[in-house]
Amino acid sequence: MTKDKKTAAGRRAFLAGGAAMAGMGALSITIPAPAWAQTWPRRPISLVVMYAAGGGTDAIMRKLAEEMSRAKGWTINVINKPGAVGGVATQFVAAARPDGYTLLGAANYNRFVRVLGHAEFVPWRDWLPMKAANAPASWSVRKDSPFQSMQDVIDAARANPGSVTISTSGTGGVWHEVSLILANIAGIELKYVPYKGGQPATLAGLQGEVDIAGGGLHEHIDLIRTGELRNLCHARASDVTLPDGTVLPSIGGIIPEAQKLLPVGATYNFMVQRNLPPEILQELADAFRAAASSEGFREMMERQFFELDVLVGEAADRQGALMETVTVDIFNKNKEAIGAEVKTAAELGLPAPEDFESWWPPADYTPPPIS
């Protein structure tokens, strides 16, 4: 089969995958609504999560749905539709009527689908992202690993490029991207081993299938606390000291060049169609802010080692564009590791990362119509 035929077949399979649907759950608490909103919503809202149940994106989206329901008196059904680095869920929501009844539970500003050629929309211009939280990246090893520090990994990888293995949650996903970024800054070459999600990637490190478990600090923290994993570094802005005195080192203190990028890792975003009626966009934005600032959501952030970081409006758009710019740059520098077609910055109309400040906002950008 030729490359063009393989690509066409892959796209057909990708689109066909959008028909599959996973489990559904709903939450509802009724309180009085503003007068105009009594006509909307008249029926339950669907929140379509782009990753599988049980992961960080799913947990955060379900909690936000619960708190939005509590604040607004809405019924929100949560549906999981994983596949194509978020592309399956995105295509499903994009095909829905723009009436506010179908929302996207996303991660990482949904920036991978355009970079990898799964979609042509611009996530920060054609959609409206609402950011709730960050999950900083983490590199950890088994307690009996010969690597006692990040410097040990750097020395070994420089002595024998490609000999050190690290797990990722999937080729072209966020933990793969972050590992490429950190390895690039450190000037080392690693071997990336993909798994189907952050939890399997963590277990691969715990079971010795790879030298390093790559993933999010929230995925490693319980095993770090029990001593089964030893943290080599994380991508928060500064070191973390656990209650027992254990210090988890920031990559910024090990490689100073990395400090300007921190924190780096996964982000969690509601995304809605930007062409919704302005009053519905405003209502959704208000509900999102209420949920993200609720006591219940804040407690979850602290308990599971996420970082609360709420952005709505142009600030969220700007960060989404910046992150997509970084993704395009690092994926093009590591095409062999990605193993798939990667769009260039020129094809996507994006600048080089170092030119972003002077480029933003682009001429075709319009701030969202929300306060």
Protein backbone atom coordinates (compact mmCIF):
# COMPACT_ATOMS: atom_id res chain seq x y z
CA MET A 1 0.00 0.00 0.00
CA THR A 2 1.38 3.42 -0.92
CA LYS A 3 1.94 6.12 1.67
CA ASP A 4 -1.01 8.17 0.27
CA LYS A 5 -3.33 5.16 0.50
CA LYS A 6 -2.17 4.42 4.04
CA THR A 7 -2.81 8.04 5.01
CA ALA A 8 -6.28 7.97 3.44
CA ALA A 9 -7.10 4.69 5.17
CA GLY A 10 -5.90 6.11 8.47
CA ARG A 11 -8.10 9.17 8.10
CA ARG A 12 -11.14 7.01 7.28
CA ALA A 13 -10.46 4.89 10.36
CA PHE A 14 -10.02 8.06 12.43
CA LEU A 15 -13.37 9.46 11.32
CA ALA A 16 -15.09 6.11 11.77
CA GLY A 17 -13.80 5.94 15.32
CA GLY A 18 -15.89 8.99 16.16
CA ALA A 19 -19.00 6.80 16.14
CA ALA A 20 -17.94 4.83 19.20
CA MET A 21 -19.25 5.93 22.61
CA ALA A 22 -18.16 4.97 26.11
CA GLY A 23 -19.87 5.15 29.51
CA MET A 24 -22.07 8.00 30.59
CA GLY A 25 -22.87 9.52 33.99
CA ALA A 26 -24.94 12.54 35.06
CA LEU A 27 -25.10 14.87 38.02
CA SER A 28 -27.91 17.28 38.89
CA ILE A 29 -28.66 19.81 41.60
CA THR A 30 -31.44 22.35 41.07
CA ILE A 31 -31.22 25.98 42.16
CA PRO A 32 -32.96 29.11 40.81
CA ALA A 33 -31.46 30.34 37.52
CA PRO A 34 -31.24 33.90 36.15
CA ALA A 35 -34.40 35.01 34.33
CA TRP A 36 -32.98 34.91 30.80
CA ALA A 37 -31.38 31.52 31.38
CA GLN A 38 -34.72 29.90 32.16
CA THR A 39 -34.95 29.23 28.40
CA TRP A 40 -31.47 27.62 28.33
CA PRO A 41 -30.60 24.92 28.96
CA ARG A 42 -33.93 23.17 28.49
CA ARG A 43 -32.36 19.72 28.45
CA PRO A 44 -29.21 17.97 29.72
CA ILE A 45 -25.79 19.10 28.51
CA SER A 46 -23.27 16.54 27.22
CA LEU A 47 -19.61 16.91 28.18
CA VAL A 48 -17.52 14.75 25.83
CA VAL A 49 -14.13 13.88 27.38
CA MET A 50 -11.35 13.17 24.89
CA TYR A 51 -9.53 10.60 27.03
CA ALA A 52 -10.54 7.37 28.76
CA ALA A 53 -12.25 7.10 32.13
CA GLY A 54 -9.95 6.95 35.14
CA GLY A 55 -7.24 9.33 33.91
CA GLY A 56 -6.43 12.88 34.97
CA THR A 57 -8.49 14.55 32.24
CA ASP A 58 -11.53 12.43 33.05
CA ALA A 59 -11.25 13.04 36.80
CA ILE A 60 -10.94 16.80 36.44
CA MET A 61 -13.74 17.08 33.86
CA ARG A 62 -16.14 15.04 35.98
CA LYS A 63 -15.39 17.19 39.01
CA LEU A 64 -15.92 20.38 37.02
CA ALA A 65 -19.20 18.99 35.67
CA GLU A 66 -20.31 18.19 39.22
CA GLU A 67 -19.47 21.68 40.49
CA MET A 68 -21.07 23.39 37.47
CA SER A 69 -24.23 21.36 38.05
CA ARG A 70 -24.19 22.34 41.71
CA ALA A 71 -23.72 26.03 40.91
CA LYS A 72 -26.19 26.35 38.04
CA GLY A 73 -28.79 23.65 38.59
CA TRP A 74 -27.96 21.99 35.27
CA THR A 75 -27.83 18.32 34.33
CA ILE A 76 -24.51 17.41 32.70
CA ASN A 77 -23.87 13.97 31.19
CA VAL A 78 -20.19 12.99 30.96
CA ILE A 79 -19.19 10.84 27.98
CA ASN A 80 -15.71 9.42 27.25
CA LYS A 81 -14.63 9.25 23.60
CA PRO A 82 -10.86 8.60 23.48
CA GLY A 83 -8.80 8.25 20.32
CA ALA A 84 -6.42 10.06 17.92
CA VAL A 85 -4.87 12.22 20.68
CA GLY A 86 -8.28 13.80 21.31
CA GLY A 87 -9.35 13.95 17.67
CA VAL A 88 -12.28 11.53 17.95
CA ALA A 89 -14.03 13.55 20.66
CA THR A 90 -13.21 16.80 18.90
CA GLN A 91 -14.76 15.67 15.61
CA PHE A 92 -17.85 14.51 17.51
CA VAL A 93 -18.36 17.85 19.25
CA ALA A 94 -17.51 19.84 16.11
CA ALA A 95 -20.29 18.01 14.25
CA ALA A 96 -22.87 18.88 16.91
CA ARG A 97 -25.25 21.82 16.54
CA PRO A 98 -23.67 24.99 18.02
CA ASP A 99 -26.26 25.43 20.75
CA GLY A 100 -24.21 24.86 23.91
CA TYR A 101 -25.58 21.39 24.63
CA THR A 102 -22.40 19.54 23.55
CA LEU A 103 -19.12 20.59 25.17
CA LEU A 104 -15.58 19.22 24.88
CA GLY A 105 -13.65 18.04 27.93
CA ALA A 106 -10.12 18.56 26.66
CA ALA A 107 -6.50 18.56 27.70
CA ASN A 108 -3.51 20.53 26.50
CA TYR A 109 -5.60 23.09 24.59
CA ASN A 110 -6.31 20.30 22.08
CA ARG A 111 -3.19 21.38 20.24
CA PHE A 112 -1.99 18.00 18.99
CA VAL A 113 -4.82 17.30 16.52
CA ARG A 114 -3.88 20.16 14.19
CA VAL A 115 -0.13 19.61 14.46
CA LEU A 116 -0.52 15.92 13.59
CA GLY A 117 -2.93 16.62 10.74
CA HIS A 118 -6.07 15.17 12.36
CA ALA A 119 -8.03 18.42 11.97
CA GLU A 120 -7.76 21.80 10.26
CA PHE A 121 -9.38 24.07 12.86
CA VAL A 122 -7.32 26.44 14.99
CA PRO A 123 -8.00 25.43 18.63
CA TRP A 124 -7.41 28.87 20.15
CA ARG A 125 -9.23 30.82 17.42
CA ASP A 126 -12.10 28.59 16.27
CA TRP A 127 -12.87 27.21 19.74
CA LEU A 128 -13.10 28.90 23.12
CA PRO A 129 -10.81 27.23 25.69
CA MET A 130 -11.36 27.62 29.43
CA LYS A 131 -8.40 26.44 31.47
CA ALA A 132 -8.80 24.94 34.94
CA ALA A 133 -5.52 23.34 36.00
CA ASN A 134 -2.01 22.09 35.26
CA ALA A 135 -0.38 18.72 35.89
CA PRO A 136 3.41 19.12 35.97
CA ALA A 137 5.51 16.44 34.29
CA SER A 138 7.57 13.96 36.30
CA TRP A 139 10.43 11.51 35.67
CA SER A 140 10.72 8.76 38.29
CA VAL A 141 12.57 5.45 38.69
CA ARG A 142 12.21 2.28 40.73
CA LYS A 143 13.73 2.35 44.20
CA ASP A 144 16.45 -0.12 43.08
CA SER A 145 17.34 1.85 39.93
CA PRO A 146 21.03 2.62 39.41
CA PHE A 147 19.99 6.18 38.54
CA GLN A 148 20.14 8.11 41.78
CA SER A 149 19.72 11.54 40.19
CA MET A 150 18.86 13.28 36.95
CA GLN A 151 22.57 13.90 36.42
CA ASP A 152 23.13 10.13 36.38
CA VAL A 153 20.60 9.87 33.52
CA ILE A 154 22.26 12.70 31.62
CA ASP A 155 25.70 11.10 31.99
CA ALA A 156 24.46 7.67 30.86
CA ALA A 157 22.51 9.06 27.90
CA ARG A 158 25.47 11.13 26.71
CA ALA A 159 27.81 8.16 27.00
CA ASN A 160 25.46 5.88 25.03
CA PRO A 161 22.74 7.83 23.15
CA GLY A 162 19.40 6.02 22.95
CA SER A 163 20.30 3.45 25.59
CA VAL A 164 18.11 4.92 28.37
CA THR A 165 14.41 4.09 27.99
CA ILE A 166 11.47 6.20 29.20
CA SER A 167 7.75 5.44 29.11
CA THR A 168 5.18 7.83 27.63
CA SER A 169 1.38 7.86 27.57
CA GLY A 170 1.46 7.54 23.77
CA THR A 171 3.49 8.72 20.82
CA GLY A 172 2.74 12.36 20.07
CA GLY A 173 0.95 12.93 23.39
CA VAL A 174 1.76 15.42 26.11
CA TRP A 175 4.12 13.26 28.19
CA HIS A 176 6.02 12.31 25.04
CA GLU A 177 6.26 15.98 24.09
CA VAL A 178 7.44 17.07 27.54
CA SER A 179 10.09 14.34 27.60
CA LEU A 180 11.33 15.50 24.19
CA ILE A 181 11.50 19.09 25.47
CA LEU A 182 13.43 18.16 28.62
CA ALA A 183 15.76 15.82 26.74
CA ASN A 184 16.41 18.51 24.15
CA ILE A 185 17.31 21.03 26.85
CA ALA A 186 19.57 18.48 28.55
CA GLY A 187 21.24 17.65 25.24
CA ILE A 188 20.52 13.92 25.47
CA GLU A 189 18.88 11.25 23.31
CA LEU A 190 16.46 8.80 24.96
CA LYS A 191 14.42 5.85 23.70
CA TYR A 192 10.69 6.55 24.07
CA VAL A 193 8.38 3.61 24.78
CA PRO A 194 4.65 4.39 24.28
CA TYR A 195 1.85 3.02 26.46
CA LYS A 196 -1.91 3.53 26.34
CA GLY A 197 -2.22 6.16 29.04
CA GLY A 198 -0.42 7.67 32.01
CA GLN A 199 -1.21 4.85 34.43
CA PRO A 200 0.26 2.07 32.22
CA ALA A 201 3.30 4.27 31.60
CA THR A 202 3.81 4.64 35.35
CA LEU A 203 3.44 0.90 35.92
CA ALA A 204 6.01 0.24 33.20
CA GLY A 205 8.57 2.15 35.23
CA LEU A 206 7.51 0.48 38.47
CA GLN A 207 7.78 -3.00 36.93
CA GLY A 208 11.15 -2.35 35.30
CA GLU A 209 9.95 -2.46 31.70
CA VAL A 210 11.67 0.90 31.17
CA ASP A 211 14.45 2.74 32.96
CA ILE A 212 12.34 5.85 33.66
CA ALA A 213 8.61 6.28 34.23
CA GLY A 214 7.50 9.38 32.36
CA GLY A 215 4.18 11.03 33.16
CA GLY A 216 2.58 13.51 35.49
CA LEU A 217 3.56 14.16 39.08
CA HIS A 218 -0.05 13.37 40.07
CA GLU A 219 0.41 9.89 38.56
CA HIS A 220 3.66 9.23 40.46
CA ILE A 221 3.09 10.92 43.79
CA ASP A 222 1.46 8.03 45.70
CA LEU A 223 4.25 5.65 44.66
CA ILE A 224 6.84 8.28 45.57
CA ARG A 225 5.27 8.68 49.01
CA THR A 226 5.43 4.90 49.62
CA GLY A 227 9.04 4.73 48.41
CA GLU A 228 8.31 2.47 45.45
CA LEU A 229 9.36 5.18 43.01
CA ARG A 230 12.13 7.76 43.39
CA ASN A 231 11.55 11.10 41.70
CA LEU A 232 14.47 12.30 39.58
CA CYS A 233 12.85 15.58 38.62
CA HIS A 234 9.54 17.28 37.93
CA ALA A 235 8.54 20.30 35.90
CA ARG A 236 7.02 22.56 38.54
CA ALA A 237 8.66 25.95 38.91
CA SER A 238 10.41 25.06 42.19
CA ASP A 239 11.32 22.10 44.37
CA VAL A 240 8.55 20.33 46.30
CA THR A 241 9.04 19.23 49.91
CA LEU A 242 6.75 16.45 51.12
CA PRO A 243 5.52 16.30 54.75
CA ASP A 244 8.16 13.66 55.58
CA GLY A 245 10.93 16.00 54.43
CA THR A 246 11.55 14.32 51.06
CA VAL A 247 12.57 16.93 48.49
CA LEU A 248 11.40 16.43 44.90
CA PRO A 249 13.76 18.42 42.64
CA SER A 250 12.56 20.77 39.92
CA ILE A 251 14.25 20.35 36.55
CA GLY A 252 14.83 24.11 36.68
CA GLY A 253 17.31 23.68 39.52
CA ILE A 254 19.15 20.93 37.63
CA ILE A 255 19.16 22.51 34.17
CA PRO A 256 18.85 26.30 34.51
CA GLU A 257 17.91 26.67 30.83
CA ALA A 258 14.64 24.86 31.58
CA GLN A 259 13.49 27.39 34.18
CA LYS A 260 11.99 29.79 31.63
CA LEU A 261 9.59 27.06 30.43
CA LEU A 262 8.27 26.04 33.83
CA PRO A 263 5.81 24.87 34.86
CA VAL A 264 5.35 22.49 31.94
CA GLY A 265 3.12 19.46 31.60
CA ALA A 266 -0.54 18.75 30.92
CA THR A 267 -3.28 21.35 31.05
CA TYR A 268 -7.01 20.74 31.44
CA ASN A 269 -9.54 22.76 29.47
CA PHE A 270 -13.21 22.94 28.73
CA MET A 271 -13.56 23.85 25.06
CA VAL A 272 -16.74 25.13 23.44
CA GLN A 273 -17.60 26.07 19.88
CA ARG A 274 -16.76 29.72 19.48
CA ASN A 275 -19.79 30.45 17.28
CA LEU A 276 -22.27 29.87 20.11
CA PRO A 277 -24.63 32.77 20.93
CA PRO A 278 -22.66 35.27 23.09
CA GLU A 279 -25.09 34.99 26.01
CA ILE A 280 -24.60 31.20 26.12
CA LEU A 281 -20.82 31.62 25.94
CA GLN A 282 -21.02 34.04 28.88
CA GLU A 283 -23.25 31.70 30.88
CA LEU A 284 -20.85 28.80 30.30
CA ALA A 285 -17.84 30.94 31.21
CA ASP A 286 -19.52 32.07 34.44
CA ALA A 287 -20.43 28.48 35.32
CA PHE A 288 -16.88 27.34 34.59
CA ARG A 289 -15.36 30.03 36.81
CA ALA A 290 -17.74 29.11 39.62
CA ALA A 291 -16.81 25.44 39.35
CA ALA A 292 -13.06 26.03 39.14
CA SER A 293 -13.13 28.33 42.19
CA SER A 294 -15.34 26.03 44.29
CA GLU A 295 -14.07 24.54 47.53
CA GLY A 296 -14.66 21.02 46.26
CA PHE A 297 -12.54 21.55 43.15
CA ARG A 298 -9.75 23.23 45.11
CA GLU A 299 -9.65 20.31 47.55
CA MET A 300 -9.31 17.89 44.64
CA MET A 301 -6.41 19.92 43.20
CA GLU A 302 -4.50 19.78 46.46
CA ARG A 303 -5.26 16.13 47.18
CA GLN A 304 -4.18 14.85 43.76
CA PHE A 305 -1.18 17.16 43.24
CA PHE A 306 -2.63 19.22 40.41
CA GLU A 307 -2.08 22.97 40.18
CA LEU A 308 -5.10 25.27 40.00
CA ASP A 309 -4.67 27.72 37.11
CA VAL A 310 -7.90 29.30 35.84
CA LEU A 311 -7.77 31.22 32.55
CA VAL A 312 -10.77 32.34 30.48
CA GLY A 313 -10.92 34.69 27.49
CA GLU A 314 -7.94 36.14 25.63
CA ALA A 315 -5.47 34.96 28.30
CA ALA A 316 -6.48 31.35 27.65
CA ASP A 317 -6.38 31.85 23.87
CA ARG A 318 -2.89 33.32 24.10
CA GLN A 319 -1.55 30.47 26.19
CA GLY A 320 -3.11 27.93 23.84
CA ALA A 321 -1.43 29.57 20.85
CA LEU A 322 1.93 29.67 22.64
CA MET A 323 1.73 26.00 23.56
CA GLU A 324 0.81 25.02 20.00
CA THR A 325 3.82 27.02 18.78
CA VAL A 326 6.11 25.08 21.13
CA THR A 327 4.56 21.75 20.05
CA VAL A 328 5.10 22.45 16.35
CA ASP A 329 8.71 23.39 17.02
CA ILE A 330 9.63 20.37 19.17
CA PHE A 331 7.76 17.85 16.98
CA ASN A 332 9.52 19.08 13.86
CA LYS A 333 12.86 18.82 15.59
CA ASN A 334 12.04 15.22 16.55
CA LYS A 335 10.10 13.85 13.55
CA GLU A 336 11.76 10.46 13.81
CA ALA A 337 10.59 10.05 17.41
CA ILE A 338 7.04 11.13 16.50
CA GLY A 339 6.86 8.62 13.66
CA ALA A 340 3.98 10.39 11.92
CA GLU A 341 3.28 13.29 9.61
CA VAL A 342 3.91 16.59 11.38
CA LYS A 343 2.75 19.96 10.08
CA THR A 344 5.27 22.78 9.95
CA ALA A 345 4.89 26.16 11.63
CA ALA A 346 4.59 27.78 8.19
CA GLU A 347 1.75 25.42 7.22
CA LEU A 348 -0.12 26.31 10.40
CA GLY A 349 0.60 30.03 10.22
CA LEU A 350 2.59 30.01 13.47
CA PRO A 351 5.85 31.78 14.40
CA ALA A 352 8.97 30.31 15.93
CA PRO A 353 8.70 30.19 19.75
CA GLU A 354 11.24 32.97 20.13
CA ASP A 355 9.10 35.23 17.89
CA PHE A 356 5.80 34.60 19.66
CA GLU A 357 5.75 37.79 21.76
CA SER A 358 5.98 40.05 18.70
CA TRP A 359 3.52 37.88 16.71
CA TRP A 360 0.64 37.78 19.21
CA PRO A 361 -2.13 38.60 18.50
CA PRO A 362 -2.23 37.61 14.81
CA ALA A 363 -4.24 39.72 12.39
CA ASP A 364 -7.09 37.21 12.11
CA TYR A 365 -7.62 36.87 15.87
CA THR A 366 -10.69 38.30 17.59
CA PRO A 367 -11.03 38.16 21.41
CA PRO A 368 -14.02 36.12 22.62
CA PRO A 369 -17.26 38.02 23.40
CA ILE A 370 -17.22 37.32 27.13
CA SER A 371 -16.45 39.45 30.13
